[in-house]
Protein backbone atom coordinates (compact mmCIF):
# COMPACT_ATOMS: atom_id res chain seq x y z
CA MET A 1 61.23 94.77 150.72
CA THR A 2 64.40 96.24 152.24
CA ARG A 3 66.47 93.50 150.56
CA ILE A 4 64.97 94.31 147.17
CA ILE A 5 65.74 98.00 147.57
CA SER A 6 69.28 97.21 148.79
CA ALA A 7 69.82 94.89 145.81
CA ARG A 8 68.62 97.57 143.40
CA ILE A 9 70.88 100.16 145.00
CA ARG A 10 73.85 97.77 144.62
CA ILE A 11 72.97 97.14 140.95
CA VAL A 12 72.69 100.89 140.30
CA ALA A 13 76.02 101.45 142.10
CA VAL A 14 77.74 98.74 140.01
CA LEU A 15 76.26 100.11 136.77
CA THR A 16 77.30 103.63 137.72
CA GLY A 17 80.87 102.40 138.30
CA VAL A 18 80.92 100.55 134.96
CA ILE A 19 79.60 103.62 133.12
CA ALA A 20 82.10 105.91 134.88
CA ALA A 21 84.96 103.55 134.03
CA SER A 22 83.79 103.41 130.40
CA ILE A 23 83.67 107.17 130.14
CA THR A 24 87.15 107.64 131.55
CA THR A 25 88.48 104.77 129.43
CA PHE A 26 86.94 105.89 126.14
CA ALA A 27 86.94 109.68 126.56
CA PRO A 28 90.63 110.21 125.74
CA ALA A 29 90.37 108.06 122.59
CA HIS A 30 87.21 109.87 121.54
CA ALA A 31 88.78 113.28 122.14
CA ALA A 32 91.83 112.30 120.10
CA THR A 33 89.70 111.38 117.06
CA TYR A 34 87.80 114.64 116.81
CA PRO A 35 89.50 118.00 116.32
CA PRO A 36 88.50 120.69 118.78
CA ALA A 37 85.52 122.89 117.95
CA ILE A 38 86.50 126.31 116.63
CA PRO A 39 84.48 129.31 117.86
CA MET A 40 84.32 132.18 115.36
CA VAL A 41 82.93 135.69 115.30
CA LEU A 42 82.87 137.39 111.89
CA LYS A 43 81.77 141.02 111.67
CA THR A 44 81.12 142.80 108.40
CA THR A 45 79.14 145.42 106.56
CA VAL A 46 77.92 143.93 103.30
CA THR A 47 76.78 145.98 100.33
CA SER A 48 74.57 144.91 97.50
CA THR A 49 76.29 144.12 94.20
CA GLY A 50 73.05 143.16 92.49
CA THR A 51 69.38 142.50 93.15
CA ASN A 52 66.37 141.03 91.43
CA LEU A 53 63.50 142.19 93.61
CA ASN A 54 59.82 142.11 92.73
CA THR A 55 57.10 144.13 94.45
CA LEU A 56 53.44 143.16 94.51
CA PRO A 57 50.45 145.19 95.68
CA GLY A 58 49.92 145.15 99.43
CA GLY A 59 53.60 145.64 100.35
CA MET A 60 54.99 142.22 99.34
CA THR A 61 58.61 142.16 98.13
CA TYR A 62 60.41 139.01 97.09
CA GLY A 63 63.52 138.06 95.14
CA TRP A 64 67.24 137.89 95.71
CA ASN A 65 70.07 140.14 96.79
CA ASP A 66 73.78 139.53 96.20
CA LEU A 67 75.90 141.10 98.97
CA THR A 68 79.64 141.28 99.63
CA GLY A 69 81.85 142.72 102.34
CA PRO A 70 85.18 142.46 104.14
CA THR A 71 85.81 140.71 107.44
CA THR A 72 88.66 139.38 109.55
CA TRP A 73 88.89 135.60 109.82
CA GLY A 74 91.32 134.68 112.57
CA LYS A 75 94.19 137.09 111.99
CA GLN A 76 93.75 137.43 108.23
CA GLN A 77 91.57 139.52 105.98
CA ALA A 78 88.68 137.70 104.34
CA ALA A 79 85.68 138.36 102.13
CA ILE A 80 82.05 137.49 102.70
CA HIS A 81 79.71 136.76 99.80
CA PHE A 82 76.04 136.47 100.84
CA GLN A 83 73.55 135.24 98.24
CA ALA A 84 70.21 135.95 99.91
CA ASP A 85 66.60 135.47 98.93
CA VAL A 86 63.86 137.48 100.62
CA ASN A 87 60.11 137.28 101.11
CA TYR A 88 58.92 140.40 102.94
CA LEU A 89 55.58 141.98 103.70
CA ASN A 90 56.03 145.67 104.50
CA GLY A 91 59.72 145.03 105.23
CA ALA A 92 59.18 142.14 107.66
CA GLY A 93 59.57 138.49 106.78
CA GLN A 94 61.85 135.65 105.94
CA PHE A 95 65.28 135.57 104.34
CA SER A 96 67.57 132.67 103.56
CA GLY A 97 70.62 132.01 101.47
CA TYR A 98 74.22 131.00 101.33
CA VAL A 99 77.31 132.69 102.69
CA THR A 100 80.82 131.95 101.51
CA VAL A 101 83.70 133.24 103.64
CA THR A 102 86.98 133.28 101.69
CA GLY A 103 90.25 133.87 103.51
CA ALA A 104 93.24 135.69 102.03
CA ASN A 105 94.92 132.28 101.58
CA GLY A 106 91.94 130.99 99.54
CA THR A 107 90.42 128.81 102.28
CA MET A 108 86.62 128.85 102.11
CA LEU A 109 83.87 128.19 104.64
CA ALA A 110 80.31 127.66 103.34
CA LEU A 111 77.22 128.46 105.41
CA ARG A 112 73.46 128.10 105.01
CA VAL A 113 71.52 130.95 106.65
CA GLU A 114 67.81 131.24 107.50
CA GLY A 115 66.21 134.08 109.40
CA SER A 116 63.70 136.86 109.78
CA THR A 117 63.64 140.63 109.55
CA LEU A 118 61.68 143.19 111.51
CA PRO A 119 61.49 146.91 110.66
CA VAL A 120 61.72 148.99 113.84
CA PRO A 121 60.54 152.63 113.81
CA LEU A 122 63.07 155.05 115.31
CA ASN A 123 62.33 158.27 117.23
CA SER A 124 63.64 160.25 114.24
CA GLY A 125 60.81 158.88 112.10
CA ALA A 126 63.18 156.65 110.14
CA THR A 127 63.04 152.87 110.21
CA GLU A 128 65.88 150.49 111.02
CA THR A 129 65.49 146.85 109.99
CA HIS A 130 66.75 144.24 112.43
CA LEU A 131 67.54 140.73 111.32
CA ALA A 132 68.34 137.51 113.11
CA GLY A 133 68.83 133.99 111.93
CA SER A 134 70.41 130.61 112.32
CA ILE A 135 73.47 129.26 110.55
CA THR A 136 74.39 125.76 109.49
CA VAL A 137 77.98 125.13 108.35
CA ILE A 138 77.76 123.07 105.16
CA GLY A 139 81.45 122.64 104.33
CA GLY A 140 84.51 124.38 103.01
CA THR A 141 88.04 123.81 101.76
CA GLY A 142 91.33 122.95 103.45
CA THR A 143 90.85 122.51 107.20
CA TYR A 144 87.14 123.15 106.68
CA ALA A 145 86.49 120.50 104.02
CA ASN A 146 83.46 118.54 105.24
CA ALA A 147 83.24 120.75 108.35
CA LYS A 148 80.00 120.94 110.32
CA GLY A 149 78.76 123.58 112.68
CA ILE A 150 76.02 125.88 113.85
CA GLY A 151 75.64 129.50 114.74
CA THR A 152 73.64 132.68 114.60
CA VAL A 153 73.62 135.86 112.58
CA VAL A 154 72.28 139.23 113.71
CA GLY A 155 72.34 142.54 111.95
CA THR A 156 70.79 145.88 111.07
CA ARG A 157 70.02 147.79 107.91
CA GLU A 158 69.36 151.52 108.26
CA ALA A 159 67.76 152.14 104.86
CA ALA A 160 65.77 150.39 102.14
CA LEU A 161 66.27 146.80 101.04
CA GLY A 162 69.49 146.63 99.02
CA SER A 163 71.34 149.14 101.24
CA PRO A 164 74.36 148.15 103.37
CA VAL A 165 73.75 145.66 106.18
CA ARG A 166 75.88 145.36 109.34
CA LEU A 167 76.17 141.67 110.27
CA THR A 168 77.71 139.62 113.06
CA PHE A 169 78.10 135.88 112.50
CA ARG A 170 78.77 133.73 115.61
CA LEU A 171 79.73 130.16 114.81
CA THR A 172 81.01 127.00 116.34
CA VAL A 173 82.75 124.96 113.65
CA LEU A 174 83.82 121.35 113.95
CA PRO A 175 86.41 120.52 111.27
CA ALA A 176 86.13 117.09 109.71
CA ARG A 177 88.04 114.24 111.36
CA SER A 178 91.33 113.38 109.81
């Protein structure tokens, strides 16, 4: 029994050494093929440039909202265009859509966003709507052509649907391999 256990320990030790050698041998080549991930934080206040919202009895609102706003992307000015669709019951519910970030040099980054909203009553009697969602990078131009990535978006809206929304996008973007 002791011999069997000793033999298994030796096999595990040999396999561990082979795996460790493989990792150190292949890791530099692997790292050289993939560009480094790029963390991004984009903050903006977007305003509605158009809506097509429908309201049904019982507090249901659905439709789309077209929002735009400025941001800083790296060290340059950029614009955010958020094409969102909503499905809310009394202000709470699902939203989704597409975000295009366009840098001053014309470079674009395209995102798919899905999330939820929750109206929160304030002590003043007003309501502030909080939103949170997930982001999937779906591509872009230039360095971001065929990029992939993930992230989150959080924000608040202090008035009715269609009013300005403060948003913070946090992303990790992996540019396509060259």
